[in-house]
Structure formats: C-alpha cells, structure tokens
Amino acid sequence: MGKKVLIVDDSRTIRQQVNFTLSKGGFEVVEAEDGKDGIVKLRAHPEVAMIISDVNMPNMNGLEMVEAIKGDATLTHPPIVMLTTEGAGELVERAKAAGAKGWLVKPFKPEQLVAVVNKLVG
C-alpha cells in the first residue's frame, strides 16, 4: 500500500472523488468529515504523509484545523493542501501563514491532484 493521505471534507461526494483519484494513484486514503474529525483521524494515523482539506466545514473549518495541527506539538505535521471552491486572496494568505503548502480550487483535475500529492510526498 502506498503513502497515506488524509482527506478532510464535509462533502461525502468530494471525499469519494478524492479517495478514488488517489487510490488509483497508489495512495492509501483516510477520510474525515470536518476539522475536528481530521485531528482525531491524524492522532489515530500518525503515519499520514499528507492532508488535503476543504476550507468551509461545520464544527471546525479547514483553516482552524491547520492552525490547530501546527500549534500542537503532540501531532505530526504532514504537508497540508487546501482543496476548496474558495479563491479569495486573504484566505489563501491565511492558509499559507498557518502552514498550508498549497491551494487547489474545486472542481479539481484528477491528474493535477495526483501530481500535487506526488510532489509533496513522493
């Protein structure tokens, strides 16, 4: 099995699309429904090599999750890429400031997503 990628998105459809795309690309996938669930899953799977997260989610959004992960010394800090419909400059800057490594806009191209994951964890 390939490297493990955590997908954090409140949309089951998006999680399934990303899971399908990355599984075909040789990656193992763990899914989470929101930022809080993402942190729980990261604790349960410290070997996660990368996180792909939506921004707008209930309970804890993607930017709050990035900030929480980066601020917690007990967690591993894999590269995080935001996958979102948002393209606002201030959100991109906040994500980068929090430690996100990249920003992809939905709808994504499967080959582009696999290329980004390969670049960051390959």
N, C-alpha and C. Protein backbone atom coordinates (compact mmCIF):
# COMPACT_ATOMS: atom_id res chain seq x y z
N MET A 1 0.85 -1.20 0.00
CA MET A 1 0.00 0.00 0.00
C MET A 1 0.88 1.24 0.00
N GLY A 2 0.45 2.27 -0.69
CA GLY A 2 1.23 3.49 -0.80
C GLY A 2 1.14 4.37 0.44
N LYS A 3 1.68 5.55 0.32
CA LYS A 3 1.65 6.50 1.43
C LYS A 3 0.21 6.89 1.75
N LYS A 4 -0.03 7.23 3.02
CA LYS A 4 -1.37 7.51 3.50
C LYS A 4 -1.68 9.01 3.42
N VAL A 5 -2.85 9.33 2.84
CA VAL A 5 -3.30 10.71 2.70
C VAL A 5 -4.64 10.85 3.44
N LEU A 6 -4.74 11.90 4.26
CA LEU A 6 -5.97 12.20 4.98
C LEU A 6 -6.77 13.24 4.20
N ILE A 7 -8.02 12.91 3.88
CA ILE A 7 -8.92 13.83 3.18
C ILE A 7 -9.92 14.36 4.20
N VAL A 8 -10.00 15.69 4.31
CA VAL A 8 -10.93 16.31 5.25
C VAL A 8 -11.91 17.18 4.46
N ASP A 9 -13.16 16.73 4.37
CA ASP A 9 -14.17 17.49 3.63
C ASP A 9 -15.54 17.08 4.13
N ASP A 10 -16.44 18.04 4.32
CA ASP A 10 -17.78 17.72 4.80
C ASP A 10 -18.66 17.14 3.69
N SER A 11 -18.21 17.17 2.46
CA SER A 11 -18.96 16.59 1.34
C SER A 11 -18.51 15.15 1.10
N ARG A 12 -19.43 14.20 1.32
CA ARG A 12 -19.11 12.80 1.07
C ARG A 12 -18.72 12.59 -0.39
N THR A 13 -19.40 13.29 -1.31
CA THR A 13 -19.10 13.16 -2.75
C THR A 13 -17.66 13.56 -3.04
N ILE A 14 -17.23 14.70 -2.50
CA ILE A 14 -15.84 15.14 -2.73
C ILE A 14 -14.86 14.14 -2.12
N ARG A 15 -15.14 13.68 -0.89
CA ARG A 15 -14.25 12.68 -0.27
C ARG A 15 -14.14 11.44 -1.15
N GLN A 16 -15.27 10.99 -1.69
CA GLN A 16 -15.25 9.81 -2.55
C GLN A 16 -14.46 10.07 -3.83
N GLN A 17 -14.64 11.25 -4.44
CA GLN A 17 -13.89 11.58 -5.67
C GLN A 17 -12.39 11.62 -5.40
N VAL A 18 -11.99 12.28 -4.32
CA VAL A 18 -10.57 12.38 -3.99
C VAL A 18 -10.02 11.01 -3.63
N ASN A 19 -10.77 10.24 -2.86
CA ASN A 19 -10.35 8.89 -2.47
C ASN A 19 -10.13 8.03 -3.71
N PHE A 20 -11.09 8.05 -4.63
CA PHE A 20 -11.00 7.27 -5.86
C PHE A 20 -9.76 7.68 -6.66
N THR A 21 -9.57 8.98 -6.83
CA THR A 21 -8.44 9.51 -7.60
C THR A 21 -7.11 9.10 -6.98
N LEU A 22 -6.98 9.27 -5.67
CA LEU A 22 -5.70 8.96 -5.02
C LEU A 22 -5.47 7.46 -4.89
N SER A 23 -6.53 6.69 -4.68
CA SER A 23 -6.37 5.23 -4.62
C SER A 23 -5.85 4.71 -5.95
N LYS A 24 -6.40 5.25 -7.06
CA LYS A 24 -5.91 4.86 -8.39
C LYS A 24 -4.45 5.27 -8.57
N GLY A 25 -4.05 6.36 -7.89
CA GLY A 25 -2.67 6.84 -7.96
C GLY A 25 -1.72 6.10 -7.04
N GLY A 26 -2.24 5.09 -6.32
CA GLY A 26 -1.39 4.26 -5.47
C GLY A 26 -1.29 4.69 -4.01
N PHE A 27 -2.17 5.59 -3.60
CA PHE A 27 -2.14 6.07 -2.21
C PHE A 27 -3.21 5.38 -1.37
N GLU A 28 -2.95 5.30 -0.07
CA GLU A 28 -3.94 4.83 0.88
C GLU A 28 -4.64 6.08 1.41
N VAL A 29 -5.96 6.00 1.62
CA VAL A 29 -6.72 7.19 1.99
C VAL A 29 -7.48 6.98 3.30
N VAL A 30 -7.44 8.01 4.15
CA VAL A 30 -8.25 8.07 5.37
C VAL A 30 -9.16 9.28 5.20
N GLU A 31 -10.44 9.15 5.56
CA GLU A 31 -11.40 10.24 5.37
C GLU A 31 -11.85 10.82 6.71
N ALA A 32 -12.07 12.14 6.72
CA ALA A 32 -12.62 12.83 7.88
C ALA A 32 -13.68 13.82 7.41
N GLU A 33 -14.69 14.06 8.24
CA GLU A 33 -15.86 14.86 7.86
C GLU A 33 -15.72 16.35 8.12
N ASP A 34 -14.81 16.75 9.01
CA ASP A 34 -14.60 18.16 9.33
C ASP A 34 -13.26 18.29 10.04
N GLY A 35 -12.90 19.52 10.41
CA GLY A 35 -11.60 19.75 11.03
C GLY A 35 -11.39 18.98 12.33
N LYS A 36 -12.41 18.93 13.18
CA LYS A 36 -12.29 18.18 14.44
C LYS A 36 -12.04 16.71 14.16
N ASP A 37 -12.81 16.14 13.24
CA ASP A 37 -12.64 14.74 12.86
C ASP A 37 -11.27 14.53 12.23
N GLY A 38 -10.81 15.53 11.47
CA GLY A 38 -9.48 15.45 10.85
C GLY A 38 -8.38 15.31 11.90
N ILE A 39 -8.48 16.07 12.97
CA ILE A 39 -7.48 15.99 14.05
C ILE A 39 -7.56 14.62 14.74
N VAL A 40 -8.78 14.13 14.97
CA VAL A 40 -8.96 12.80 15.57
C VAL A 40 -8.31 11.73 14.69
N LYS A 41 -8.56 11.82 13.36
CA LYS A 41 -8.00 10.83 12.43
C LYS A 41 -6.47 10.94 12.35
N LEU A 42 -5.94 12.17 12.43
CA LEU A 42 -4.49 12.35 12.39
C LEU A 42 -3.86 11.72 13.64
N ARG A 43 -4.50 11.88 14.80
CA ARG A 43 -4.00 11.23 16.02
C ARG A 43 -4.00 9.71 15.88
N ALA A 44 -5.06 9.19 15.24
CA ALA A 44 -5.21 7.74 15.07
C ALA A 44 -4.26 7.18 14.00
N HIS A 45 -3.82 8.05 13.08
CA HIS A 45 -2.96 7.63 11.97
C HIS A 45 -1.76 8.59 11.87
N PRO A 46 -0.84 8.53 12.83
CA PRO A 46 0.30 9.47 12.80
C PRO A 46 1.21 9.28 11.58
N GLU A 47 1.04 8.17 10.87
CA GLU A 47 1.86 7.92 9.67
C GLU A 47 1.32 8.64 8.44
N VAL A 48 0.22 9.42 8.58
CA VAL A 48 -0.33 10.18 7.45
C VAL A 48 0.79 11.05 6.86
N ALA A 49 0.97 10.94 5.53
CA ALA A 49 2.05 11.65 4.85
C ALA A 49 1.61 13.02 4.34
N MET A 50 0.28 13.23 4.25
CA MET A 50 -0.23 14.48 3.70
C MET A 50 -1.70 14.62 4.06
N ILE A 51 -2.16 15.88 4.16
CA ILE A 51 -3.58 16.17 4.41
C ILE A 51 -4.10 17.05 3.27
N ILE A 52 -5.29 16.69 2.76
CA ILE A 52 -5.99 17.51 1.78
C ILE A 52 -7.28 17.93 2.46
N SER A 53 -7.49 19.24 2.60
CA SER A 53 -8.64 19.71 3.37
C SER A 53 -9.44 20.79 2.66
N ASP A 54 -10.76 20.71 2.84
CA ASP A 54 -11.66 21.77 2.44
C ASP A 54 -11.46 22.94 3.40
N VAL A 55 -11.96 24.11 3.04
CA VAL A 55 -11.92 25.27 3.94
C VAL A 55 -13.23 25.38 4.71
N ASN A 56 -14.35 25.45 3.99
CA ASN A 56 -15.65 25.68 4.63
C ASN A 56 -16.28 24.37 5.09
N MET A 57 -16.27 24.15 6.42
CA MET A 57 -16.87 22.95 7.02
C MET A 57 -17.48 23.32 8.36
N PRO A 58 -18.49 22.54 8.81
CA PRO A 58 -19.05 22.78 10.14
C PRO A 58 -18.08 22.33 11.24
N ASN A 59 -18.37 22.68 12.47
CA ASN A 59 -17.62 22.29 13.68
C ASN A 59 -16.24 22.94 13.77
N MET A 60 -15.38 22.67 12.79
CA MET A 60 -14.06 23.31 12.71
C MET A 60 -13.70 23.40 11.24
N ASN A 61 -13.46 24.62 10.74
CA ASN A 61 -13.14 24.74 9.32
C ASN A 61 -11.69 24.34 9.04
N GLY A 62 -11.35 24.29 7.76
CA GLY A 62 -10.02 23.83 7.37
C GLY A 62 -8.89 24.70 7.88
N LEU A 63 -9.08 26.02 7.85
CA LEU A 63 -8.02 26.92 8.33
C LEU A 63 -7.82 26.77 9.83
N GLU A 64 -8.92 26.64 10.58
CA GLU A 64 -8.81 26.41 12.03
C GLU A 64 -8.09 25.09 12.31
N MET A 65 -8.37 24.08 11.48
CA MET A 65 -7.71 22.78 11.65
C MET A 65 -6.21 22.90 11.40
N VAL A 66 -5.83 23.59 10.32
CA VAL A 66 -4.40 23.78 10.02
C VAL A 66 -3.71 24.46 11.20
N GLU A 67 -4.33 25.52 11.70
CA GLU A 67 -3.75 26.26 12.83
C GLU A 67 -3.64 25.37 14.07
N ALA A 68 -4.67 24.56 14.31
CA ALA A 68 -4.66 23.67 15.48
C ALA A 68 -3.57 22.60 15.36
N ILE A 69 -3.43 22.03 14.16
CA ILE A 69 -2.41 20.99 13.95
C ILE A 69 -1.01 21.59 14.12
N LYS A 70 -0.77 22.72 13.46
CA LYS A 70 0.56 23.34 13.53
C LYS A 70 0.90 23.79 14.95
N GLY A 71 -0.14 24.11 15.75
CA GLY A 71 0.10 24.58 17.11
C GLY A 71 0.17 23.48 18.14
N ASP A 72 0.04 22.21 17.72
CA ASP A 72 0.01 21.09 18.66
C ASP A 72 1.26 20.23 18.47
N ALA A 73 2.17 20.32 19.44
CA ALA A 73 3.44 19.58 19.35
C ALA A 73 3.25 18.07 19.46
N THR A 74 2.07 17.62 19.94
CA THR A 74 1.85 16.17 20.07
C THR A 74 1.41 15.53 18.76
N LEU A 75 1.12 16.36 17.75
CA LEU A 75 0.69 15.84 16.45
C LEU A 75 1.85 15.86 15.45
N THR A 76 1.80 14.93 14.49
CA THR A 76 2.74 15.01 13.37
C THR A 76 2.29 16.19 12.50
N HIS A 77 3.20 16.72 11.71
CA HIS A 77 2.89 17.89 10.88
C HIS A 77 3.14 17.59 9.40
N PRO A 78 2.26 16.77 8.80
CA PRO A 78 2.42 16.49 7.37
C PRO A 78 2.06 17.72 6.54
N PRO A 79 2.52 17.79 5.30
CA PRO A 79 2.12 18.91 4.45
C PRO A 79 0.60 18.91 4.27
N ILE A 80 0.02 20.11 4.22
CA ILE A 80 -1.43 20.26 4.07
C ILE A 80 -1.72 21.10 2.84
N VAL A 81 -2.63 20.61 2.00
CA VAL A 81 -3.08 21.35 0.82
C VAL A 81 -4.57 21.59 0.98
N MET A 82 -4.99 22.82 0.72
CA MET A 82 -6.40 23.16 0.79
C MET A 82 -7.04 22.88 -0.57
N LEU A 83 -8.19 22.20 -0.56
CA LEU A 83 -8.96 21.90 -1.77
C LEU A 83 -10.34 22.50 -1.55
N THR A 84 -10.65 23.58 -2.26
CA THR A 84 -11.84 24.36 -1.93
C THR A 84 -12.42 25.09 -3.13
N THR A 85 -13.64 25.54 -2.98
CA THR A 85 -14.25 26.38 -4.02
C THR A 85 -13.82 27.83 -3.83
N GLU A 86 -13.21 28.13 -2.69
CA GLU A 86 -12.79 29.49 -2.37
C GLU A 86 -11.50 29.85 -3.10
N GLY A 87 -11.45 31.08 -3.61
CA GLY A 87 -10.22 31.53 -4.25
C GLY A 87 -9.78 32.88 -3.72
N ALA A 88 -10.41 33.34 -2.65
CA ALA A 88 -10.13 34.68 -2.12
C ALA A 88 -8.70 34.79 -1.62
N GLY A 89 -8.02 35.87 -2.05
CA GLY A 89 -6.62 36.08 -1.70
C GLY A 89 -6.34 36.06 -0.21
N GLU A 90 -7.23 36.67 0.59
CA GLU A 90 -6.97 36.72 2.03
C GLU A 90 -7.04 35.33 2.66
N LEU A 91 -7.92 34.45 2.13
CA LEU A 91 -7.98 33.08 2.65
C LEU A 91 -6.72 32.30 2.28
N VAL A 92 -6.26 32.49 1.05
CA VAL A 92 -5.03 31.83 0.61
C VAL A 92 -3.87 32.28 1.49
N GLU A 93 -3.78 33.56 1.74
CA GLU A 93 -2.69 34.09 2.59
C GLU A 93 -2.78 33.57 4.01
N ARG A 94 -4.00 33.51 4.56
CA ARG A 94 -4.17 32.98 5.93
C ARG A 94 -3.75 31.52 5.98
N ALA A 95 -4.13 30.76 4.97
CA ALA A 95 -3.77 29.34 4.93
C ALA A 95 -2.25 29.16 4.87
N LYS A 96 -1.60 29.97 4.03
CA LYS A 96 -0.14 29.90 3.92
C LYS A 96 0.52 30.29 5.24
N ALA A 97 0.00 31.35 5.87
CA ALA A 97 0.54 31.81 7.15
C ALA A 97 0.39 30.72 8.22
N ALA A 98 -0.71 29.96 8.13
CA ALA A 98 -0.96 28.89 9.10
C ALA A 98 -0.08 27.67 8.83
N GLY A 99 0.46 27.59 7.61
CA GLY A 99 1.36 26.48 7.30
C GLY A 99 0.91 25.59 6.16
N ALA A 100 -0.19 25.94 5.47
CA ALA A 100 -0.62 25.13 4.33
C ALA A 100 0.40 25.25 3.20
N LYS A 101 0.65 24.16 2.52
CA LYS A 101 1.66 24.12 1.46
C LYS A 101 1.11 24.44 0.08
N GLY A 102 -0.24 24.40 -0.06
CA GLY A 102 -0.78 24.64 -1.38
C GLY A 102 -2.27 24.88 -1.34
N TRP A 103 -2.83 25.25 -2.49
CA TRP A 103 -4.23 25.64 -2.61
C TRP A 103 -4.74 25.17 -3.95
N LEU A 104 -5.70 24.25 -3.98
CA LEU A 104 -6.31 23.79 -5.22
C LEU A 104 -7.78 24.19 -5.20
N VAL A 105 -8.29 24.61 -6.35
CA VAL A 105 -9.68 25.04 -6.43
C VAL A 105 -10.53 23.93 -7.04
N LYS A 106 -11.69 23.67 -6.42
CA LYS A 106 -12.66 22.71 -6.96
C LYS A 106 -13.40 23.37 -8.11
N PRO A 107 -13.82 22.61 -9.11
CA PRO A 107 -13.57 21.19 -9.28
C PRO A 107 -12.11 20.94 -9.68
N PHE A 108 -11.53 19.88 -9.17
CA PHE A 108 -10.12 19.59 -9.43
C PHE A 108 -9.96 18.64 -10.61
N LYS A 109 -8.81 18.69 -11.24
CA LYS A 109 -8.47 17.74 -12.29
C LYS A 109 -7.74 16.59 -11.60
N PRO A 110 -8.21 15.34 -11.79
CA PRO A 110 -7.59 14.21 -11.10
C PRO A 110 -6.07 14.13 -11.27
N GLU A 111 -5.60 14.34 -12.51
CA GLU A 111 -4.15 14.24 -12.74
C GLU A 111 -3.39 15.34 -12.01
N GLN A 112 -4.02 16.52 -11.88
CA GLN A 112 -3.39 17.62 -11.16
C GLN A 112 -3.28 17.28 -9.67
N LEU A 113 -4.34 16.71 -9.11
CA LEU A 113 -4.35 16.33 -7.69
C LEU A 113 -3.26 15.29 -7.41
N VAL A 114 -3.19 14.25 -8.23
CA VAL A 114 -2.18 13.21 -8.04
C VAL A 114 -0.78 13.80 -8.17
N ALA A 115 -0.59 14.72 -9.12
CA ALA A 115 0.73 15.35 -9.31
C ALA A 115 1.13 16.15 -8.06
N VAL A 116 0.19 16.88 -7.48
CA VAL A 116 0.49 17.65 -6.27
C VAL A 116 0.87 16.74 -5.11
N VAL A 117 0.10 15.67 -4.93
CA VAL A 117 0.39 14.72 -3.85
C VAL A 117 1.75 14.06 -4.08
N ASN A 118 2.02 13.64 -5.30
CA ASN A 118 3.33 13.03 -5.60
C ASN A 118 4.47 14.02 -5.33
N LYS A 119 4.27 15.29 -5.67
CA LYS A 119 5.31 16.30 -5.46
C LYS A 119 5.60 16.48 -3.97
N LEU A 120 4.56 16.48 -3.15
CA LEU A 120 4.74 16.74 -1.73
C LEU A 120 5.13 15.52 -0.90
N VAL A 121 4.73 14.33 -1.32
CA VAL A 121 5.06 13.14 -0.52
C VAL A 121 5.82 12.07 -1.27
N GLY A 122 5.93 12.24 -2.61
CA GLY A 122 6.62 11.23 -3.41
C GLY A 122 8.08 11.23 -3.12
